[in-house]
């Protein structure tokens, strides 16, 4: 099937209420029975057909009553308020799962969602450093995520870990981090010292196009 030519290239961050590593990445059940998470991306270079998406951010809050693969989830998308009408339409199309195969992370998670809350158009604060395993993504009044390196409990020194998934749909390689995450509104949760990930990625209509770890 032919799709509109689109591409996102940039840094993606995520976190959930599971312990470090996240059992989902290993086909295991979530740490605390349910799943509450957040992902965000800053599109450093992007397009949808002829519409440039450079510099824009998007994010989504997700929550499920049990394991993700059992479905019954809820989600709320957030689109950068700076997007003009053409850019909003492009991002809405992509984030709705249109113009892409089932192998994209958007469709992968979308297939488990039964309730989609109204999309928000809000300002973003987005700072991220993949090599340092640090990030802060905030949408004032809605969500606040921060990532920091996992620390060795004995020495207190940063502990580096990566997850490598050659057949991964969400990512192929990601740096692990410790997440502090709070959300208000349709989603309502608050936790710290849980699973976090940060990675460079390029995504298109057929899924992940290129990912490489930081040396």
Protein backbone atom coordinates (compact mmCIF):
# COMPACT_ATOMS: atom_id res chain seq x y z
CA UNK A 1 0.00 0.00 0.00
CA UNK A 2 1.28 3.48 -0.87
CA UNK A 3 1.38 6.04 1.91
CA UNK A 4 1.99 9.77 2.00
CA UNK A 5 5.75 10.26 2.34
CA UNK A 6 6.41 11.41 5.89
CA UNK A 7 9.26 11.20 8.37
CA UNK A 8 10.13 12.15 11.95
CA UNK A 9 13.79 12.39 12.96
CA UNK A 10 14.80 13.41 16.45
CA UNK A 11 14.97 12.49 20.13
CA UNK A 12 12.29 10.45 21.81
CA UNK A 13 11.82 9.99 25.54
CA UNK A 14 9.48 7.83 27.56
CA UNK A 15 8.71 6.58 31.00
CA UNK A 16 6.23 4.36 32.78
CA UNK A 17 5.36 3.08 36.26
CA UNK A 18 7.30 -0.20 35.85
CA UNK A 19 10.68 -0.93 37.40
CA UNK A 20 13.87 -0.20 35.45
CA UNK A 21 14.03 -2.13 32.19
CA UNK A 22 10.23 -2.44 31.88
CA UNK A 23 9.02 -6.07 31.68
CA UNK A 24 7.01 -5.23 28.54
CA UNK A 25 10.27 -5.03 26.61
CA UNK A 26 10.87 -8.70 27.49
CA UNK A 27 7.33 -9.99 26.89
CA UNK A 28 6.68 -10.16 30.64
CA UNK A 29 3.85 -8.77 32.76
CA UNK A 30 4.04 -5.21 34.13
CA UNK A 31 5.65 -4.72 37.53
CA UNK A 32 2.55 -3.34 39.24
CA UNK A 33 -0.24 -5.06 37.24
CA UNK A 34 -1.36 -1.92 35.39
CA UNK A 35 0.58 0.37 33.06
CA UNK A 36 0.80 4.15 33.12
CA UNK A 37 3.15 5.88 30.73
CA UNK A 38 4.16 8.86 28.65
CA UNK A 39 6.16 9.35 25.45
CA UNK A 40 7.27 12.53 23.74
CA UNK A 41 9.34 13.44 20.73
CA UNK A 42 11.02 16.57 19.46
CA UNK A 43 11.04 16.43 15.67
CA UNK A 44 14.39 17.89 14.72
CA UNK A 45 13.70 17.20 11.06
CA UNK A 46 10.29 16.16 9.80
CA UNK A 47 7.78 16.38 7.00
CA UNK A 48 4.41 15.13 5.89
CA UNK A 49 4.44 15.33 2.12
CA UNK A 50 5.43 18.94 1.47
CA UNK A 51 4.53 20.14 4.98
CA UNK A 52 7.58 20.79 7.17
CA UNK A 53 7.36 19.63 10.78
CA UNK A 54 10.85 20.76 11.80
CA UNK A 55 11.19 21.75 15.45
CA UNK A 56 7.73 20.69 16.60
CA UNK A 57 6.96 18.42 19.55
CA UNK A 58 4.26 15.87 20.17
CA UNK A 59 3.47 13.54 23.04
CA UNK A 60 0.94 11.07 24.36
CA UNK A 61 -0.20 9.91 27.76
CA UNK A 62 -1.23 6.26 27.99
CA UNK A 63 -2.77 4.11 30.67
CA UNK A 64 -4.04 0.52 30.74
CA UNK A 65 -5.81 -1.46 33.51
CA UNK A 66 -3.50 -4.43 32.94
CA UNK A 67 -0.80 -5.57 30.51
CA UNK A 68 -0.63 -3.46 27.35
CA UNK A 69 -1.29 -6.42 25.05
CA UNK A 70 -4.64 -7.06 26.76
CA UNK A 71 -5.87 -3.67 25.56
CA UNK A 72 -8.67 -1.61 27.15
CA UNK A 73 -6.28 1.33 27.27
CA UNK A 74 -6.84 5.07 27.26
CA UNK A 75 -4.73 7.75 25.61
CA UNK A 76 -4.47 11.48 25.20
CA UNK A 77 -2.38 13.10 22.50
CA UNK A 78 -0.66 16.46 22.89
CA UNK A 79 0.46 18.56 19.91
CA UNK A 80 2.76 21.57 19.96
CA UNK A 81 0.69 24.76 20.09
CA UNK A 82 3.14 26.38 17.65
CA UNK A 83 1.94 24.12 14.82
CA UNK A 84 0.04 26.01 12.11
CA UNK A 85 -3.22 24.58 10.68
CA UNK A 86 -1.41 22.55 8.00
CA UNK A 87 1.06 21.16 10.51
CA UNK A 88 -1.72 20.32 12.96
CA UNK A 89 -3.60 18.43 10.27
CA UNK A 90 -0.44 16.53 9.33
CA UNK A 91 0.38 15.57 12.92
CA UNK A 92 -3.23 14.62 13.65
CA UNK A 93 -3.23 12.33 10.61
CA UNK A 94 -0.03 10.58 11.65
CA UNK A 95 -0.91 10.30 15.34
CA UNK A 96 -4.34 8.86 14.47
CA UNK A 97 -2.57 5.94 12.80
CA UNK A 98 -3.39 6.93 9.23
CA UNK A 99 -0.85 6.84 6.38
CA UNK A 100 1.27 4.10 7.98
CA UNK A 101 1.55 0.36 8.38
CA UNK A 102 0.79 -1.63 11.52
CA UNK A 103 4.55 -1.80 12.20
CA UNK A 104 4.86 1.78 13.43
CA UNK A 105 4.98 2.42 17.20
CA UNK A 106 1.95 4.70 16.78
CA UNK A 107 -0.20 1.89 15.39
CA UNK A 108 1.31 -0.68 17.74
CA UNK A 109 0.08 1.19 20.80
CA UNK A 110 -3.01 2.55 19.06
CA UNK A 111 -4.34 -0.98 18.55
CA UNK A 112 -4.59 -1.39 22.33
CA UNK A 113 -6.54 1.83 22.96
CA UNK A 114 -10.33 1.88 23.40
CA UNK A 115 -10.74 5.44 24.72
CA UNK A 116 -9.05 8.42 23.10
CA UNK A 117 -9.40 11.66 25.01
CA UNK A 118 -9.52 15.03 23.28
CA UNK A 119 -6.20 16.06 21.75
CA UNK A 120 -4.56 18.98 23.53
CA UNK A 121 -2.67 21.82 21.79
CA UNK A 122 -0.22 23.16 24.32
CA UNK A 123 3.26 24.71 24.70
CA UNK A 124 6.12 22.30 25.33
CA UNK A 125 9.30 22.52 27.35
CA UNK A 126 11.63 19.91 25.86
CA UNK A 127 15.28 19.42 26.79
CA UNK A 128 17.08 16.13 26.20
CA UNK A 129 20.62 14.74 26.07
CA UNK A 130 20.83 11.11 24.97
CA UNK A 131 24.49 10.69 25.91
CA UNK A 132 23.93 12.08 29.39
CA UNK A 133 20.64 10.16 29.81
CA UNK A 134 18.88 13.29 30.98
CA UNK A 135 15.70 14.99 29.83
CA UNK A 136 12.86 17.21 30.90
CA UNK A 137 9.58 17.39 29.05
CA UNK A 138 6.82 19.54 30.45
CA UNK A 139 3.41 20.60 29.25
CA UNK A 140 2.34 23.07 31.96
CA UNK A 141 -0.69 21.91 33.91
CA UNK A 142 -0.79 18.56 32.10
CA UNK A 143 2.40 16.52 32.44
CA UNK A 144 5.95 16.81 33.72
CA UNK A 145 8.62 14.16 33.02
CA UNK A 146 12.27 14.22 33.99
CA UNK A 147 14.94 11.63 33.28
CA UNK A 148 18.23 11.16 35.06
CA UNK A 149 20.84 8.41 35.02
CA UNK A 150 20.15 5.30 37.07
CA UNK A 151 22.51 5.36 40.05
CA UNK A 152 24.40 2.47 41.59
CA UNK A 153 22.84 2.02 45.07
CA UNK A 154 26.22 1.26 46.65
CA UNK A 155 28.57 3.76 45.05
CA UNK A 156 26.04 6.39 43.99
CA UNK A 157 27.72 6.61 40.59
CA UNK A 158 25.71 6.69 37.34
CA UNK A 159 24.95 3.22 35.99
CA UNK A 160 24.68 2.95 32.21
CA UNK A 161 22.40 0.34 30.65
CA UNK A 162 20.93 -0.08 27.18
CA UNK A 163 18.13 -2.23 25.80
CA UNK A 164 18.81 -3.61 22.33
CA UNK A 165 15.79 -5.01 20.48
CA UNK A 166 16.69 -6.00 16.90
CA UNK A 167 13.00 -6.60 16.13
CA UNK A 168 11.67 -3.80 18.31
CA UNK A 169 8.69 -1.76 17.16
CA UNK A 170 9.03 1.08 19.67
CA UNK A 171 12.82 1.26 19.41
CA UNK A 172 15.81 -0.84 18.39
CA UNK A 173 18.29 0.65 20.88
CA UNK A 174 17.54 2.88 23.86
CA UNK A 175 19.47 4.30 26.80
CA UNK A 176 17.90 3.46 30.16
CA UNK A 177 17.16 6.13 32.74
CA UNK A 178 15.25 6.81 35.94
CA UNK A 179 11.93 8.61 35.49
CA UNK A 180 9.99 11.06 37.58
CA UNK A 181 6.55 11.53 36.02
CA UNK A 182 3.40 13.36 37.03
CA UNK A 183 0.22 13.85 35.01
CA UNK A 184 -3.03 15.69 35.66
CA UNK A 185 -6.36 15.82 33.90
CA UNK A 186 -7.64 12.86 31.92
CA UNK A 187 -4.55 10.98 33.12
CA UNK A 188 -3.74 11.24 36.80
CA UNK A 189 -0.57 9.68 38.20
CA UNK A 190 2.61 10.59 40.00
CA UNK A 191 5.71 8.43 40.56
CA UNK A 192 9.51 8.51 40.58
CA UNK A 193 12.46 6.13 40.38
CA UNK A 194 10.80 4.08 37.65
CA UNK A 195 11.56 3.00 34.09
CA UNK A 196 12.76 5.64 31.67
CA UNK A 197 14.23 5.54 28.19
CA UNK A 198 15.76 8.01 25.75
CA UNK A 199 16.87 7.42 22.19
CA UNK A 200 17.56 8.92 18.77
CA UNK A 201 15.14 7.70 16.14
CA UNK A 202 13.86 8.15 12.62
CA UNK A 203 10.30 6.98 11.95
CA UNK A 204 8.37 6.73 8.69
CA UNK A 205 5.23 5.04 7.30
CA UNK A 206 6.77 1.56 7.62
CA UNK A 207 8.13 2.05 11.13
CA UNK A 208 11.65 2.64 12.44
CA UNK A 209 14.08 3.67 9.70
CA UNK A 210 17.32 4.10 11.62
CA UNK A 211 18.54 3.96 15.21
CA UNK A 212 22.02 3.74 16.64
CA UNK A 213 23.31 3.75 20.24
CA UNK A 214 25.49 6.46 21.67
CA UNK A 215 29.09 5.15 21.84
